[in-house]
Protein backbone atom coordinates (compact mmCIF):
# COMPACT_ATOMS: atom_id res chain seq x y z
CA MET A 1 4.32 21.99 24.49
CA ASP A 2 1.97 23.22 21.59
CA SER A 3 1.21 20.39 19.54
CA SER A 4 0.02 22.20 16.68
CA ILE A 5 3.64 22.83 15.60
CA LYS A 6 4.48 20.89 12.36
CA ALA A 7 7.73 22.59 11.14
CA PHE A 8 10.83 23.67 13.21
CA VAL A 9 12.53 26.57 11.16
CA PHE A 10 16.48 27.94 12.50
CA ASP A 11 17.98 31.30 11.49
CA VAL A 12 21.51 30.41 11.00
CA TYR A 13 23.89 33.11 12.22
CA GLY A 14 24.07 33.59 15.81
CA THR A 15 21.58 30.78 16.24
CA LEU A 16 23.42 27.58 15.02
CA PHE A 17 26.78 29.33 14.25
CA ASP A 18 28.69 31.64 16.48
CA VAL A 19 29.81 34.75 14.14
CA THR A 20 31.59 36.00 17.21
CA ALA A 21 34.26 33.28 16.49
CA ILE A 22 35.07 34.92 13.43
CA LYS A 23 37.51 37.54 15.94
CA LYS A 24 40.14 34.77 16.10
CA GLU A 25 40.95 35.01 11.92
CA CYS A 26 40.60 39.10 12.38
CA GLU A 27 42.81 39.15 15.33
CA GLU A 28 45.69 37.08 13.25
CA LEU A 29 45.54 39.45 10.16
CA TYR A 30 45.08 42.04 12.55
CA PRO A 31 46.41 42.09 15.93
CA GLY A 32 44.87 44.05 18.24
CA TYR A 33 41.67 44.93 16.18
CA GLY A 34 40.08 41.09 16.38
CA GLU A 35 37.25 42.16 18.53
CA GLU A 36 36.48 45.46 16.95
CA ILE A 37 36.79 44.28 13.38
CA SER A 38 34.52 40.99 13.95
CA GLN A 39 31.34 42.91 16.19
CA SER A 40 31.67 46.15 13.57
CA TRP A 41 31.55 43.64 10.76
CA ARG A 42 28.33 42.14 11.78
CA SER A 43 26.76 45.18 12.86
CA LYS A 44 27.35 46.59 9.20
CA GLN A 45 26.51 43.49 7.45
CA VAL A 46 22.95 43.45 9.24
CA GLU A 47 22.89 47.45 8.57
CA TYR A 48 23.52 47.02 4.59
CA PHE A 49 21.06 44.19 4.21
CA MET A 50 18.31 46.10 6.11
CA LEU A 51 19.25 49.37 4.04
CA ARG A 52 19.27 47.58 0.89
CA GLN A 53 15.97 46.33 1.81
CA LEU A 54 14.68 49.59 2.51
CA MET A 55 16.04 50.83 -0.77
CA GLY A 56 14.81 47.95 -3.12
CA ASN A 57 18.63 47.52 -4.16
CA TYR A 58 18.74 43.75 -3.46
CA ALA A 59 22.65 42.33 -3.37
CA THR A 60 23.57 38.76 -2.01
CA LEU A 61 24.75 38.41 1.54
CA HIS A 62 27.92 37.76 0.14
CA THR A 63 28.42 40.88 -1.55
CA ILE A 64 26.98 42.41 1.39
CA THR A 65 29.24 40.88 3.62
CA HIS A 66 32.43 41.97 1.65
CA GLN A 67 31.32 45.36 1.40
CA ALA A 68 30.73 45.46 5.15
CA LEU A 69 34.33 43.93 5.65
CA LYS A 70 35.65 46.45 3.49
CA TYR A 71 34.13 49.53 5.14
CA VAL A 72 35.09 48.07 8.72
CA LEU A 73 38.66 48.08 7.40
CA LYS A 74 38.51 51.30 6.22
CA GLU A 75 36.82 52.38 9.24
CA ASN A 76 39.57 51.51 11.25
CA ASP A 77 42.29 52.83 9.17
CA LEU A 78 43.64 49.31 8.50
CA GLN A 79 45.29 48.09 5.47
CA SER A 80 42.81 46.14 3.03
CA ASN A 81 43.77 44.05 0.51
CA GLU A 82 42.59 41.22 -1.57
CA GLU A 83 44.40 38.25 0.06
CA ASN A 84 43.07 39.16 3.72
CA GLU A 85 39.59 40.18 2.40
CA GLN A 86 39.53 36.35 0.75
CA LYS A 87 40.62 34.58 4.06
CA LEU A 88 38.09 36.61 5.94
CA MET A 89 35.30 35.51 4.17
CA GLU A 90 36.63 31.92 3.79
CA ALA A 91 36.42 31.96 7.61
CA TYR A 92 32.79 32.72 7.22
CA LEU A 93 32.22 29.23 5.40
CA HIS A 94 33.63 27.82 8.64
CA LEU A 95 32.02 29.26 11.55
CA PRO A 96 31.37 26.86 14.67
CA LEU A 97 28.33 25.55 15.87
CA TYR A 98 27.30 26.52 19.15
CA GLU A 99 28.30 23.48 21.70
CA GLU A 100 24.64 22.38 22.10
CA VAL A 101 23.56 22.46 18.52
CA GLU A 102 24.50 19.10 16.90
CA GLY A 103 22.90 17.26 20.37
CA VAL A 104 19.79 19.25 20.04
CA LEU A 105 19.38 18.53 16.17
CA ALA A 106 20.14 14.97 16.66
CA GLN A 107 17.09 14.63 19.51
CA LEU A 108 14.85 16.45 17.04
CA LYS A 109 15.88 14.36 13.80
CA ASP A 110 12.43 13.10 13.71
CA LYS A 111 11.04 16.15 13.84
CA ASN A 112 10.39 18.54 10.39
CA LEU A 113 13.82 20.75 10.53
CA THR A 114 14.47 23.62 7.86
CA VAL A 115 16.98 26.59 7.87
CA PHE A 116 15.74 29.65 6.89
CA SER A 117 18.40 32.32 6.40
CA ASN A 118 19.49 35.97 4.93
CA GLY A 119 22.36 33.91 3.63
CA SER A 120 22.59 33.41 -0.26
CA HIS A 121 23.17 29.61 -1.02
CA ASP A 122 27.05 30.43 -1.86
CA MET A 123 27.57 31.09 1.79
CA LEU A 124 24.95 29.00 3.53
CA ASN A 125 25.49 25.89 1.89
CA PRO A 126 29.33 25.46 2.30
CA LEU A 127 28.71 26.43 6.07
CA ILE A 128 26.53 23.75 6.62
CA GLU A 129 28.34 21.17 4.66
CA ASN A 130 31.59 22.13 6.49
CA ALA A 131 29.77 21.77 9.75
CA GLY A 132 28.45 18.26 9.11
CA LEU A 133 24.48 19.23 8.85
CA THR A 134 23.20 18.91 5.63
CA GLY A 135 21.44 15.88 6.10
CA ALA A 136 19.94 17.06 9.53
CA PHE A 137 17.39 19.69 7.54
CA LYS A 138 14.43 18.75 5.20
CA HIS A 139 15.04 22.62 3.51
CA ILE A 140 17.55 24.80 3.55
CA LEU A 141 16.14 27.94 2.30
CA SER A 142 17.47 31.43 1.61
CA VAL A 143 15.97 34.81 0.98
CA ASP A 144 17.98 34.70 -2.35
CA GLU A 145 15.51 32.80 -3.78
CA VAL A 146 13.06 35.15 -3.45
CA LYS A 147 15.20 38.44 -3.00
CA GLU A 148 13.43 39.75 0.42
CA PHE A 149 15.56 40.03 3.57
CA LYS A 150 14.27 39.16 6.68
CA PRO A 151 12.59 40.90 8.41
CA ALA A 152 10.78 41.85 5.28
CA PRO A 153 6.95 39.83 5.75
CA ALA A 154 7.48 38.45 1.82
CA SER A 155 10.49 36.90 2.94
CA TYR A 156 8.53 34.93 5.50
CA GLN A 157 5.86 34.35 3.31
CA TYR A 158 8.43 32.51 0.81
CA ALA A 159 9.69 30.25 3.82
CA LEU A 160 5.78 29.53 4.69
CA ASP A 161 5.04 28.55 0.75
CA LYS A 162 7.81 26.18 0.76
CA LEU A 163 6.70 24.54 4.09
CA GLY A 164 3.19 24.49 2.80
CA LEU A 165 1.61 25.00 6.51
CA ALA A 166 -0.11 27.42 8.15
CA ASN A 167 1.71 30.55 9.76
CA ASN A 168 0.72 29.28 13.25
CA GLN A 169 2.00 25.73 12.53
CA VAL A 170 5.59 27.03 12.38
CA LEU A 171 8.00 27.54 15.19
CA PHE A 172 10.73 29.66 14.19
CA MET A 173 13.89 29.99 16.29
CA SER A 174 16.62 33.14 15.94
CA SER A 175 19.01 34.62 18.21
CA ASN A 176 18.56 38.02 16.68
CA GLY A 177 15.85 40.46 18.28
CA TRP A 178 14.75 42.03 14.81
CA ASP A 179 14.35 38.35 13.16
CA ILE A 180 12.05 37.45 15.96
CA SER A 181 10.11 40.64 15.74
CA GLY A 182 9.92 40.11 11.98
CA ALA A 183 8.72 36.34 12.23
CA LYS A 184 5.92 37.03 15.10
CA ASN A 185 4.83 39.93 13.26
CA PHE A 186 4.22 37.47 10.08
CA GLY A 187 2.20 35.00 12.40
CA PHE A 188 5.00 32.50 13.20
CA GLN A 189 5.15 31.20 16.47
CA THR A 190 8.57 32.24 17.60
CA ALA A 191 11.37 31.10 20.26
CA TRP A 192 14.00 33.69 21.14
CA ILE A 193 17.55 31.87 21.50
CA ASN A 194 18.72 34.67 24.00
CA ARG A 195 22.35 33.86 24.04
CA LYS A 196 23.42 37.67 25.30
CA ASN A 197 20.79 37.78 27.74
CA LEU A 198 19.51 40.69 25.94
CA PRO A 199 15.69 42.77 27.01
CA VAL A 200 12.83 42.12 24.57
CA GLU A 201 12.80 44.37 21.63
CA GLU A 202 10.34 47.44 22.34
CA LEU A 203 8.04 46.63 18.77
CA ASP A 204 4.89 45.14 21.04
CA LEU A 205 5.77 41.74 19.34
CA GLU A 206 6.77 39.44 22.14
CA PRO A 207 8.25 35.98 21.43
CA ASP A 208 6.43 33.21 22.40
CA TYR A 209 9.22 31.14 24.20
CA ILE A 210 12.74 32.63 25.22
CA PHE A 211 15.55 30.26 25.54
CA ASP A 212 19.01 30.50 26.71
CA ASP A 213 20.04 28.07 23.99
CA LEU A 214 18.56 25.26 22.03
CA LYS A 215 18.33 22.77 24.65
CA GLY A 216 14.95 24.72 25.36
CA LEU A 217 13.57 23.10 21.93
CA LEU A 218 13.86 19.52 23.95
CA LYS A 219 10.69 20.18 25.45
CA TRP A 220 9.42 18.99 22.12
CA LYS A 221 11.16 15.77 21.52
């Protein structure tokens, strides 16, 4: 256990909350396409915020998520209408937690726990509130406050400034390889929550720790 860690910072989508679970709502509205829509929607969402970061053309993740959905429905020649789109956007505010999350957070409640997400507060706050986790975190931080998406260094700098710590005093957790690479590049200590048993990204930025799920964090309990 590294005793230098003063803050435990969690990514949200795919790390605390299961984004793939939205395939259920997608399947209900578009039978036979639930899996395809849910996977393509997430991929296009990530692609769009990466592109907007590169172009210097910021929009909130709420806007990007809606635009990504509209694209995927068109890509699959599916009828897009405002009612269906709003139902699926609403489902994003009620994503389920991974099964171990509540127990792990409860056991780490005496630690400095923070959320740091590319999600804008209009998505992030209702999601965390609906899961009953509002009181679990000291900070709920969004890149929307600085308008720089992770993995840009300026986004992690914003979080660091809010924490008031040195880079290596932060343990950053994410299930997303690109986010772990960005955080490691910035100088955070990193714990990759490798839920899909994927290989490490070939970016010369090895995670400090690799766990199958958040229960690996209990070594700091």
